[in-house]
N, C-alpha and C. Protein backbone atom coordinates (compact mmCIF):
# COMPACT_ATOMS: atom_id res chain seq x y z
N UNK A 1 121.95 79.15 14.46
CA UNK A 1 122.66 79.89 15.67
C UNK A 1 121.59 79.86 16.95
N UNK A 2 121.89 79.28 18.11
CA UNK A 2 121.18 79.24 19.18
C UNK A 2 121.74 80.03 20.48
N UNK A 3 120.86 80.73 20.98
CA UNK A 3 121.28 81.38 22.26
C UNK A 3 120.36 81.07 23.46
N UNK A 4 121.16 80.51 24.76
CA UNK A 4 120.44 80.03 25.89
C UNK A 4 120.53 81.49 26.79
N UNK A 5 119.43 81.78 27.30
CA UNK A 5 119.66 82.89 28.57
C UNK A 5 119.01 82.26 29.71
N UNK A 6 120.00 82.40 30.69
CA UNK A 6 119.31 81.82 31.98
C UNK A 6 118.98 83.16 33.14
N UNK A 7 117.95 82.59 33.85
CA UNK A 7 117.61 83.57 34.79
C UNK A 7 116.96 83.22 36.15
N UNK A 8 116.88 83.83 37.23
CA UNK A 8 116.20 83.31 38.28
C UNK A 8 117.30 83.17 39.42
N UNK A 9 118.52 83.23 39.28
CA UNK A 9 119.30 83.35 40.35
C UNK A 9 119.17 84.17 41.26
N UNK A 10 120.09 84.31 42.36
CA UNK A 10 119.94 85.21 43.67
C UNK A 10 120.41 84.93 44.58
N UNK A 11 120.14 85.76 45.97
CA UNK A 11 120.39 85.33 46.97
C UNK A 11 119.52 84.70 47.89
N UNK A 12 119.57 83.60 48.56
CA UNK A 12 118.75 82.87 49.71
C UNK A 12 119.26 82.32 50.72
N UNK A 13 118.35 82.34 51.57
CA UNK A 13 118.92 81.62 53.07
C UNK A 13 119.26 80.03 52.86
N UNK A 14 119.91 79.63 53.40
CA UNK A 14 119.89 78.02 53.97
C UNK A 14 118.45 77.50 54.01
N UNK A 15 118.06 76.54 53.36
CA UNK A 15 116.73 75.90 53.29
C UNK A 15 115.88 76.47 52.62
N UNK A 16 116.14 77.90 52.04
CA UNK A 16 115.10 78.21 50.92
C UNK A 16 115.01 77.82 49.51
N UNK A 17 114.48 78.25 48.83
CA UNK A 17 114.30 77.68 47.19
C UNK A 17 114.56 78.94 46.42
N UNK A 18 114.66 78.60 45.12
CA UNK A 18 115.01 79.35 43.74
C UNK A 18 114.55 78.24 42.49
N UNK A 19 114.10 78.60 41.62
CA UNK A 19 113.44 78.21 40.39
C UNK A 19 114.67 79.08 39.29
N UNK A 20 115.06 78.36 38.54
CA UNK A 20 116.00 78.73 37.47
C UNK A 20 115.34 78.49 35.86
N UNK A 21 115.59 79.46 35.00
CA UNK A 21 114.73 79.06 33.75
C UNK A 21 115.86 79.39 32.77
N UNK A 22 115.88 78.75 31.85
CA UNK A 22 116.64 78.91 30.53
C UNK A 22 116.03 78.69 29.39
N UNK A 23 115.86 79.59 28.41
CA UNK A 23 115.39 80.05 27.22
C UNK A 23 116.12 79.58 26.05
N UNK A 24 115.56 78.79 25.08
CA UNK A 24 116.54 78.94 23.98
C UNK A 24 115.82 79.18 22.92
N UNK A 25 116.58 80.37 22.06
CA UNK A 25 116.08 81.10 20.85
C UNK A 25 117.17 80.91 19.80
N UNK A 26 116.76 81.28 18.50
CA UNK A 26 117.13 81.16 17.44
C UNK A 26 116.76 80.45 16.36
N UNK A 27 117.45 80.29 15.35
CA UNK A 27 117.10 79.40 14.29
C UNK A 27 117.07 77.67 14.77
N UNK A 28 116.13 77.24 15.62
CA UNK A 28 115.96 76.11 16.16
C UNK A 28 115.33 75.03 15.40
N UNK A 29 115.89 74.00 15.10
CA UNK A 29 115.14 73.01 14.15
C UNK A 29 114.44 71.93 15.24
N UNK A 30 115.57 71.70 16.15
CA UNK A 30 115.42 70.55 17.17
C UNK A 30 116.27 70.88 18.39
N UNK A 31 115.48 70.20 19.65
CA UNK A 31 116.50 70.42 20.72
C UNK A 31 116.37 68.93 21.24
N UNK A 32 117.87 68.69 22.02
CA UNK A 32 117.93 67.08 22.30
C UNK A 32 117.61 67.55 24.08
N UNK A 33 118.52 66.89 24.36
CA UNK A 33 118.93 67.20 25.95
C UNK A 33 119.22 68.66 26.43
N UNK A 34 118.79 68.82 27.64
CA UNK A 34 118.76 69.88 28.05
C UNK A 34 119.54 69.80 29.50
N UNK A 35 120.27 70.55 30.23
CA UNK A 35 120.75 70.23 31.29
C UNK A 35 121.35 71.88 32.04
N UNK A 36 121.48 71.26 33.50
CA UNK A 36 122.27 72.44 34.13
C UNK A 36 123.35 71.94 34.83
N UNK A 37 124.51 72.89 34.68
CA UNK A 37 125.79 72.70 35.44
C UNK A 37 126.10 73.76 36.13
N UNK A 38 127.31 73.58 37.15
CA UNK A 38 127.45 74.72 38.31
C UNK A 38 128.76 74.60 38.37
N UNK A 39 129.38 75.97 38.77
CA UNK A 39 130.73 76.09 39.00
C UNK A 39 131.20 77.00 40.19
N UNK A 40 131.57 76.07 41.31
CA UNK A 40 132.21 77.03 42.70
C UNK A 40 133.09 77.71 42.20
N UNK A 41 133.59 78.72 43.09
CA UNK A 41 134.97 79.61 43.12
C UNK A 41 136.14 78.48 43.47
N UNK A 42 136.70 78.45 42.48
CA UNK A 42 137.88 77.08 42.54
C UNK A 42 137.80 75.66 42.42
N UNK A 43 136.70 75.57 42.05
CA UNK A 43 136.20 74.06 41.68
C UNK A 43 135.65 73.98 40.20
N UNK A 44 135.94 72.83 39.64
CA UNK A 44 135.71 72.54 38.01
C UNK A 44 134.01 72.67 37.97
N UNK A 45 133.63 72.64 36.68
CA UNK A 45 132.24 72.72 36.72
C UNK A 45 131.51 71.16 36.77
N UNK A 46 130.11 71.17 37.22
CA UNK A 46 129.90 70.02 37.44
C UNK A 46 128.33 69.86 36.82
N UNK A 47 128.06 68.65 36.22
CA UNK A 47 126.69 68.31 35.71
C UNK A 47 125.98 68.23 36.88
N UNK A 48 124.61 69.00 37.28
CA UNK A 48 123.66 68.87 38.21
C UNK A 48 122.77 67.88 37.68
N UNK A 49 121.94 68.20 36.62
CA UNK A 49 120.53 67.59 36.41
C UNK A 49 120.88 67.79 35.11
N UNK A 50 120.17 66.46 33.96
CA UNK A 50 119.90 66.53 32.87
C UNK A 50 118.72 65.98 32.22
N UNK A 51 117.88 66.54 31.29
CA UNK A 51 116.71 65.77 30.70
C UNK A 51 116.86 65.71 29.42
N UNK A 52 116.30 64.60 29.10
CA UNK A 52 116.21 64.14 27.74
C UNK A 52 114.91 64.90 26.91
N UNK A 53 115.04 65.00 25.61
CA UNK A 53 113.54 65.26 24.59
C UNK A 53 112.63 64.59 25.23
N UNK A 54 112.95 63.29 25.73
CA UNK A 54 111.42 62.28 26.15
C UNK A 54 111.11 62.44 27.47
N UNK A 55 111.77 63.26 28.32
CA UNK A 55 111.76 63.57 29.58
C UNK A 55 112.47 62.86 30.66
N UNK A 56 113.23 62.21 30.13
CA UNK A 56 114.06 61.35 31.45
C UNK A 56 115.08 62.30 31.84
N UNK A 57 115.10 61.76 33.06
CA UNK A 57 116.26 62.80 34.00
C UNK A 57 117.15 61.86 34.60
N UNK A 58 118.42 62.80 34.94
CA UNK A 58 119.37 62.60 36.03
C UNK A 58 119.79 63.55 36.76
N UNK A 59 120.19 63.14 37.66
CA UNK A 59 120.74 64.45 38.82
C UNK A 59 122.04 63.56 39.63
N UNK A 60 122.94 64.79 39.88
CA UNK A 60 124.23 64.76 40.80
C UNK A 60 123.56 63.85 41.98
N UNK A 61 124.38 63.02 42.95
CA UNK A 61 124.01 62.71 44.06
C UNK A 61 123.98 63.69 44.77
N UNK A 62 124.32 65.06 44.81
CA UNK A 62 124.51 65.66 45.50
C UNK A 62 123.42 66.89 45.79
N UNK A 63 122.36 66.80 44.78
CA UNK A 63 121.12 67.42 44.37
C UNK A 63 119.86 66.57 44.57
N UNK A 64 119.91 65.12 44.44
CA UNK A 64 118.74 64.12 44.43
C UNK A 64 117.87 64.67 45.81
N UNK A 65 116.48 64.68 45.42
CA UNK A 65 115.72 64.87 46.40
C UNK A 65 115.44 66.21 46.54
N UNK A 66 116.17 66.91 45.93
CA UNK A 66 116.39 68.40 46.50
C UNK A 66 116.04 69.44 45.26
N UNK A 67 116.62 68.99 43.77
CA UNK A 67 116.36 69.63 42.91
C UNK A 67 115.57 68.96 41.87
N UNK A 68 114.78 69.48 41.03
CA UNK A 68 114.30 69.01 40.00
C UNK A 68 114.20 69.70 38.58
N UNK A 69 114.73 69.09 37.42
CA UNK A 69 114.82 69.57 36.38
C UNK A 69 113.23 69.32 35.56
N UNK A 70 112.88 70.61 34.78
CA UNK A 70 111.69 69.78 33.86
C UNK A 70 112.09 70.94 32.58
N UNK A 71 110.95 70.69 31.77
CA UNK A 71 111.28 71.50 30.51
C UNK A 71 110.07 71.65 29.68
N UNK A 72 109.63 72.77 29.13
CA UNK A 72 108.63 72.87 28.32
C UNK A 72 109.06 73.04 26.77
N UNK A 73 109.01 71.93 26.16
CA UNK A 73 109.62 71.84 24.44
C UNK A 73 108.86 73.25 23.82
N UNK A 74 107.33 73.28 23.99
CA UNK A 74 106.69 74.30 23.57
C UNK A 74 107.46 75.55 23.70
N UNK A 75 108.11 75.88 24.47
CA UNK A 75 108.57 77.37 24.84
C UNK A 75 110.28 77.16 24.87
N UNK A 76 110.81 75.60 24.39
CA UNK A 76 112.18 75.86 24.46
C UNK A 76 112.96 76.08 25.44
N UNK A 77 112.35 75.93 26.67
CA UNK A 77 112.93 76.48 28.25
C UNK A 77 113.05 75.33 28.86
N UNK A 78 113.84 75.26 29.65
CA UNK A 78 114.15 74.05 30.99
C UNK A 78 114.32 75.03 32.11
N UNK A 79 113.82 74.25 33.22
CA UNK A 79 113.66 74.96 34.61
C UNK A 79 114.58 74.19 35.47
N UNK A 80 115.07 74.72 36.37
CA UNK A 80 115.55 74.06 37.75
C UNK A 80 114.83 74.29 38.84
N UNK A 81 114.30 73.48 39.51
CA UNK A 81 113.30 74.05 40.67
C UNK A 81 114.63 73.63 41.82
N UNK A 82 115.01 74.25 42.81
CA UNK A 82 116.31 74.13 43.81
C UNK A 82 115.09 74.20 45.14
N UNK A 83 115.33 73.13 46.08
CA UNK A 83 114.60 73.43 47.36
C UNK A 83 115.91 72.80 48.46
N UNK A 84 115.53 73.18 49.63
CA UNK A 84 116.28 73.14 50.67
C UNK A 84 117.64 73.23 50.53
N UNK A 85 117.77 74.51 49.86
CA UNK A 85 119.15 74.76 49.35
C UNK A 85 120.18 74.89 50.48
N UNK A 86 121.45 74.48 50.21
CA UNK A 86 122.50 74.61 51.26
C UNK A 86 123.89 75.46 50.82
N UNK A 87 124.53 75.99 51.84
CA UNK A 87 125.43 76.94 51.36
C UNK A 87 126.63 76.24 50.46
N UNK A 88 126.69 75.20 50.43
CA UNK A 88 127.64 74.24 49.42
C UNK A 88 126.96 74.28 47.77
N UNK A 89 125.69 74.87 47.53
CA UNK A 89 125.08 74.98 46.23
C UNK A 89 125.49 76.27 45.88
N UNK A 90 126.36 77.12 46.32
CA UNK A 90 126.80 78.52 46.30
C UNK A 90 127.65 77.88 44.64
N UNK A 91 126.95 78.77 43.61
CA UNK A 91 127.77 78.69 42.51
C UNK A 91 126.89 79.19 41.17
N UNK A 92 127.69 79.23 40.12
CA UNK A 92 127.32 79.92 39.02
C UNK A 92 126.78 78.73 38.28
N UNK A 93 125.50 78.82 37.72
CA UNK A 93 124.49 77.81 37.40
C UNK A 93 124.57 78.01 35.52
N UNK A 94 125.12 77.17 34.99
CA UNK A 94 124.81 77.18 33.61
C UNK A 94 123.79 76.47 32.91
N UNK A 95 123.20 76.84 31.94
CA UNK A 95 122.43 75.99 31.11
C UNK A 95 122.96 75.60 29.90
N UNK A 96 122.66 74.22 29.56
CA UNK A 96 123.44 73.88 28.01
C UNK A 96 122.42 72.75 27.35
N UNK A 97 122.78 72.95 26.37
CA UNK A 97 121.92 71.92 25.54
C UNK A 97 122.66 71.70 24.34
N UNK A 98 122.22 70.17 23.44
CA UNK A 98 122.59 70.16 22.13
C UNK A 98 121.31 70.46 21.40
N UNK A 99 121.49 71.38 20.38
CA UNK A 99 120.20 71.49 19.36
C UNK A 99 120.76 71.51 18.02
N UNK A 100 119.88 71.43 17.08
CA UNK A 100 119.83 71.41 15.63
C UNK A 100 119.27 72.80 15.15
N UNK A 101 120.14 73.48 14.45
CA UNK A 101 119.61 74.55 13.68
C UNK A 101 120.26 74.65 12.27
N UNK A 102 120.14 75.69 11.63
CA UNK A 102 120.61 75.62 10.15
C UNK A 102 121.97 75.67 9.95
N UNK A 103 122.80 75.79 11.22
CA UNK A 103 124.33 75.43 11.36
C UNK A 103 124.75 73.93 11.74
N UNK A 104 123.50 73.23 11.75
CA UNK A 104 123.61 71.76 12.25
C UNK A 104 123.56 71.21 13.79
N UNK A 105 124.06 70.40 14.09
CA UNK A 105 123.93 70.09 15.62
C UNK A 105 125.02 70.25 16.23
N UNK A 106 124.65 71.14 17.32
CA UNK A 106 126.17 72.03 18.08
C UNK A 106 125.73 71.80 19.84
N UNK A 107 126.57 71.72 20.38
CA UNK A 107 126.42 72.09 21.81
C UNK A 107 126.47 73.73 22.34
N UNK A 108 125.49 74.24 22.81
CA UNK A 108 125.41 75.47 23.12
C UNK A 108 125.55 75.90 24.80
N UNK A 109 126.21 76.47 25.71
CA UNK A 109 126.00 77.04 26.98
C UNK A 109 125.53 78.56 26.79
N UNK A 110 124.71 78.85 28.37
CA UNK A 110 124.28 80.20 28.39
C UNK A 110 125.40 80.48 29.15
N UNK A 111 125.23 81.96 29.75
CA UNK A 111 126.20 82.75 30.30
C UNK A 111 126.39 82.64 31.82
N UNK A 112 125.11 82.25 32.27
CA UNK A 112 125.40 81.71 33.78
C UNK A 112 124.53 82.28 34.50
N UNK A 113 123.84 82.09 35.66
CA UNK A 113 123.24 83.00 36.82
C UNK A 113 123.66 82.51 38.05
N UNK A 114 124.30 83.38 38.69
CA UNK A 114 124.84 83.29 40.26
C UNK A 114 123.86 82.90 41.17
N UNK A 115 123.85 81.82 41.79
CA UNK A 115 123.10 81.29 42.93
C UNK A 115 123.92 81.69 44.25
N UNK A 116 123.35 82.14 45.62
CA UNK A 116 124.16 82.32 46.56
C UNK A 116 123.19 82.08 47.57
N UNK A 117 123.83 80.96 48.31
CA UNK A 117 122.88 80.50 49.72
C UNK A 117 123.91 80.62 50.99
N UNK A 118 123.23 82.15 51.47
CA UNK A 118 123.92 82.29 52.94
C UNK A 118 122.97 82.98 53.54
N UNK A 119 123.28 83.04 54.69
CA UNK A 119 122.55 83.50 56.06
C UNK A 119 123.03 85.03 56.18
């Protein structure tokens, strides 16, 4: 079993920054890609950023140049640095990963952290 716990959300003014963290814990043998998705009210969940175990990254067009995903493999933690935030970035942000534990290789999601961009 693997648990993901996000932190770092909150209220920020347009143009501001936030850094989200997501720590994986449990009987982890290995972690593959890790990602951040978001879901705004009334909208479908969308993938925002992804980082592979080797460090390759991909971003949604809407956040390229503003968001940076990184990971600390020693801590089983993934980060999302969000700069130049816009009101349309307001959403619940979810961490996800594909991890191998004693249960096998499965996908996992965190419970989410709210990010609100408003003046």
